[in-house]
Amino acid sequence: MTKKALWILFATMAILIGLYPTLYLFLDKKFGLLSTKDNGLFKNIFWSLSFYIHIISGGLALLIGWTQFSKKIRARNLTLHRQIGKIYVISALISALTSLYIAIYSTGGLFTSLGFICLGFIWFYTTLTAFIQIKKGMIANHEKMMLYSYALCFAAVTLRIWLPLLVILFNDFISAYKIVAWLCWIPNLLIAFLIIKRIEKRETIS
């Protein structure tokens, strides 16, 4: 029962935050985290283009990526699993690449930028590696890399959980944002690592 509840919570958060970028189509452009940005940055066409490509492609990856871990969906329709996987890989790679550029302009300076640059680089690497592994027929390695990839993708969710808590704790947005640039993804990677180790242990016993 607990496992099912966690799965439902996991999928619900992925869907809600995956749809979150659509709000930018209807609200003022200084909505959400953009309210912390300098007005001059919006005049940078490359930044604006990169930002919207990043949130749209990243939102799509988050929105559909969780389905790849459903054994029922995979068992019932392997073709659908593969098609969704292709869309996820393309979306994730695009989002990761564009994040490297917009991270340079992160609120909070160099420390914040480095946190998001590391996130984007590792997300790109794990996603590309997962794609290469499945092309080679190395299913087990592919699944492990996809776990890491989606754990990093899920940083979009954990950032929005940690950030308000840190703002309350420090009573300062900049300090909170500097920490969340790292905290939103490092624990996610650790959890993915522990899940993989648990799977490997189970396979060894069986």
Protein backbone atom coordinates (compact mmCIF):
# COMPACT_ATOMS: atom_id res chain seq x y z
CA MET A 1 0.00 0.00 0.00
CA THR A 2 2.81 2.41 0.93
CA LYS A 3 4.68 1.58 -2.28
CA LYS A 4 1.55 2.26 -4.36
CA ALA A 5 0.94 5.57 -2.57
CA LEU A 6 4.54 6.67 -3.19
CA TRP A 7 4.22 5.71 -6.86
CA ILE A 8 1.03 7.76 -7.21
CA LEU A 9 2.67 10.73 -5.46
CA PHE A 10 5.75 10.40 -7.68
CA ALA A 11 3.68 10.32 -10.89
CA THR A 12 1.40 13.16 -9.75
CA MET A 13 4.31 15.50 -8.96
CA ALA A 14 5.98 14.66 -12.28
CA ILE A 15 2.78 15.45 -14.19
CA LEU A 16 2.02 18.67 -12.32
CA ILE A 17 5.52 20.14 -12.64
CA GLY A 18 5.78 18.76 -16.17
CA LEU A 19 2.76 20.88 -17.08
CA TYR A 20 4.08 23.88 -15.11
CA PRO A 21 5.84 25.52 -18.13
CA THR A 22 2.44 26.02 -19.79
CA LEU A 23 1.73 28.73 -17.20
CA TYR A 24 4.32 30.92 -18.92
CA LEU A 25 2.03 31.02 -21.95
CA PHE A 26 -0.73 32.71 -19.99
CA LEU A 27 0.99 34.69 -17.25
CA ASP A 28 3.41 37.62 -17.18
CA LYS A 29 6.92 36.64 -18.29
CA LYS A 30 8.29 37.63 -14.86
CA PHE A 31 6.26 34.85 -13.27
CA GLY A 32 7.85 32.42 -10.79
CA LEU A 33 11.65 32.24 -10.72
CA LEU A 34 11.83 34.79 -13.55
CA SER A 35 10.71 37.45 -11.06
CA THR A 36 14.25 37.34 -9.65
CA LYS A 37 15.87 38.12 -13.00
CA ASP A 38 17.16 41.50 -14.09
CA ASN A 39 15.04 43.21 -16.74
CA GLY A 40 18.07 43.56 -19.01
CA LEU A 41 18.34 39.78 -19.28
CA PHE A 42 15.00 39.57 -21.08
CA LYS A 43 16.51 41.61 -23.92
CA ASN A 44 19.04 38.81 -24.55
CA ILE A 45 17.31 36.85 -27.32
CA PHE A 46 19.65 33.87 -26.94
CA TRP A 47 18.89 33.60 -23.23
CA SER A 48 15.14 33.94 -23.77
CA LEU A 49 15.14 31.34 -26.55
CA SER A 50 17.28 28.96 -24.50
CA PHE A 51 15.08 29.43 -21.44
CA TYR A 52 11.82 28.61 -23.21
CA ILE A 53 13.31 25.69 -25.10
CA HIS A 54 14.71 24.41 -21.79
CA ILE A 55 11.47 24.56 -19.82
CA ILE A 56 9.28 23.19 -22.64
CA SER A 57 11.54 20.26 -23.51
CA GLY A 58 12.35 19.63 -19.84
CA GLY A 59 8.68 19.77 -18.93
CA LEU A 60 7.88 17.22 -21.63
CA ALA A 61 10.67 14.91 -20.43
CA LEU A 62 9.39 15.12 -16.86
CA LEU A 63 5.78 14.67 -17.95
CA ILE A 64 6.35 11.42 -19.86
CA GLY A 65 9.53 10.02 -18.30
CA TRP A 66 7.90 8.46 -15.22
CA THR A 67 5.88 6.07 -17.42
CA GLN A 68 9.11 4.34 -18.47
CA PHE A 69 9.43 2.87 -14.97
CA SER A 70 5.98 1.30 -15.05
CA LYS A 71 6.35 -2.46 -15.56
CA LYS A 72 2.68 -2.70 -16.55
CA ILE A 73 3.00 -0.17 -19.38
CA ARG A 74 6.22 -1.79 -20.61
CA ALA A 75 4.74 -5.30 -20.49
CA ARG A 76 1.48 -4.37 -22.22
CA ASN A 77 2.94 -2.28 -25.01
CA LEU A 78 6.70 -2.47 -25.60
CA THR A 79 6.40 -0.39 -28.77
CA LEU A 80 4.78 2.45 -26.82
CA HIS A 81 7.54 2.18 -24.22
CA ARG A 82 10.16 2.57 -26.93
CA GLN A 83 8.41 5.50 -28.61
CA ILE A 84 8.01 7.37 -25.32
CA GLY A 85 11.65 6.59 -24.58
CA LYS A 86 12.77 8.20 -27.83
CA ILE A 87 10.75 11.34 -27.09
CA TYR A 88 12.16 11.46 -23.56
CA VAL A 89 15.77 11.13 -24.75
CA ILE A 90 15.41 13.89 -27.35
CA SER A 91 13.60 16.21 -24.93
CA ALA A 92 16.05 15.56 -22.10
CA LEU A 93 19.13 16.12 -24.26
CA ILE A 94 17.76 19.40 -25.61
CA SER A 95 16.75 20.60 -22.14
CA ALA A 96 20.11 19.63 -20.66
CA LEU A 97 22.05 21.41 -23.39
CA THR A 98 20.08 24.65 -23.14
CA SER A 99 20.38 24.56 -19.34
CA LEU A 100 24.15 24.90 -19.65
CA TYR A 101 23.76 28.31 -21.25
CA ILE A 102 21.02 29.74 -19.03
CA ALA A 103 22.87 28.46 -15.93
CA ILE A 104 25.59 31.03 -16.61
CA TYR A 105 23.05 33.74 -15.74
CA SER A 106 21.71 32.02 -12.62
CA THR A 107 20.59 34.20 -9.72
CA GLY A 108 23.19 33.99 -6.95
CA GLY A 109 26.38 34.09 -8.99
CA LEU A 110 29.11 31.55 -9.69
CA PHE A 111 28.23 29.03 -6.94
CA THR A 112 24.64 28.76 -8.20
CA SER A 113 25.76 28.61 -11.82
CA LEU A 114 28.17 25.74 -11.10
CA GLY A 115 25.41 23.78 -9.39
CA PHE A 116 23.08 24.01 -12.38
CA ILE A 117 25.90 23.49 -14.91
CA CYS A 118 26.88 20.24 -13.17
CA LEU A 119 23.23 19.19 -13.18
CA GLY A 120 22.87 19.89 -16.90
CA PHE A 121 26.13 18.18 -17.83
CA ILE A 122 25.46 15.00 -15.82
CA TRP A 123 21.85 14.86 -17.05
CA PHE A 124 23.08 15.07 -20.65
CA TYR A 125 25.75 12.41 -20.04
CA THR A 126 23.46 9.89 -18.31
CA THR A 127 20.71 10.32 -20.91
CA LEU A 128 23.07 9.95 -23.87
CA THR A 129 24.77 6.96 -22.23
CA ALA A 130 21.38 5.31 -21.62
CA PHE A 131 20.54 5.74 -25.31
CA ILE A 132 23.88 4.32 -26.44
CA GLN A 133 23.53 1.34 -24.08
CA ILE A 134 20.10 0.33 -25.38
CA LYS A 135 21.36 0.62 -28.95
CA LYS A 136 24.04 -1.92 -28.01
CA GLY A 137 21.43 -4.19 -26.47
CA MET A 138 22.78 -3.67 -22.95
CA ILE A 139 19.37 -3.47 -21.27
CA ALA A 140 20.54 -3.65 -17.64
CA ASN A 141 23.03 -0.79 -18.10
CA HIS A 142 20.41 1.17 -20.04
CA GLU A 143 17.92 0.87 -17.19
CA LYS A 144 20.50 2.04 -14.63
CA MET A 145 21.45 5.09 -16.67
CA MET A 146 17.80 5.94 -17.24
CA LEU A 147 17.24 5.86 -13.48
CA TYR A 148 20.05 8.37 -13.05
CA SER A 149 18.78 10.45 -15.96
CA TYR A 150 15.24 10.74 -14.64
CA ALA A 151 16.49 11.35 -11.11
CA LEU A 152 18.21 14.44 -12.52
CA CYS A 153 15.15 15.37 -14.56
CA PHE A 154 13.12 15.15 -11.35
CA ALA A 155 15.26 17.98 -9.95
CA ALA A 156 12.60 20.28 -11.40
CA VAL A 157 10.24 18.83 -8.78
CA THR A 158 12.62 18.65 -5.83
CA LEU A 159 13.80 22.22 -6.45
CA ARG A 160 10.24 23.40 -5.89
CA ILE A 161 10.01 21.37 -2.70
CA TRP A 162 13.34 22.45 -1.20
CA LEU A 163 13.33 26.12 -2.22
CA PRO A 164 10.40 27.40 -0.10
CA LEU A 165 11.68 25.40 2.89
CA LEU A 166 15.16 26.93 2.54
CA VAL A 167 13.73 30.43 2.12
CA ILE A 168 11.85 29.97 5.39
CA LEU A 169 14.98 28.56 7.07
CA PHE A 170 17.38 31.32 5.94
CA ASN A 171 14.83 34.10 5.46
CA ASP A 172 16.79 35.01 2.33
CA PHE A 173 16.03 33.93 -1.25
CA ILE A 174 19.59 34.26 -2.60
CA SER A 175 21.10 32.06 0.10
CA ALA A 176 18.35 29.52 -0.39
CA TYR A 177 18.80 29.51 -4.17
CA LYS A 178 22.55 28.97 -3.92
CA ILE A 179 21.96 25.85 -1.83
CA VAL A 180 19.03 24.52 -3.87
CA ALA A 181 21.15 24.66 -7.03
CA TRP A 182 22.95 21.62 -5.58
CA LEU A 183 20.38 20.20 -3.19
CA CYS A 184 17.73 19.76 -5.91
CA TRP A 185 19.73 17.02 -7.67
CA ILE A 186 22.49 15.49 -5.51
CA PRO A 187 20.08 13.66 -3.13
CA ASN A 188 18.13 12.48 -6.19
CA LEU A 189 21.28 10.86 -7.59
CA LEU A 190 21.96 9.23 -4.22
CA ILE A 191 18.44 7.78 -4.11
CA ALA A 192 18.84 6.45 -7.67
CA PHE A 193 22.17 4.88 -6.66
CA LEU A 194 20.57 3.16 -3.65
CA ILE A 195 17.69 1.87 -5.82
CA ILE A 196 20.17 0.45 -8.33
CA LYS A 197 22.18 -1.24 -5.57
CA ARG A 198 18.99 -2.75 -4.18
CA ILE A 199 18.05 -4.09 -7.62
CA GLU A 200 21.54 -5.54 -8.10
CA LYS A 201 21.40 -7.20 -4.69
CA ARG A 202 18.01 -8.74 -5.48
CA GLU A 203 19.29 -10.04 -8.82
CA THR A 204 22.34 -11.58 -7.13
CA ILE A 205 20.18 -13.40 -4.58
CA SER A 206 17.77 -14.68 -7.21
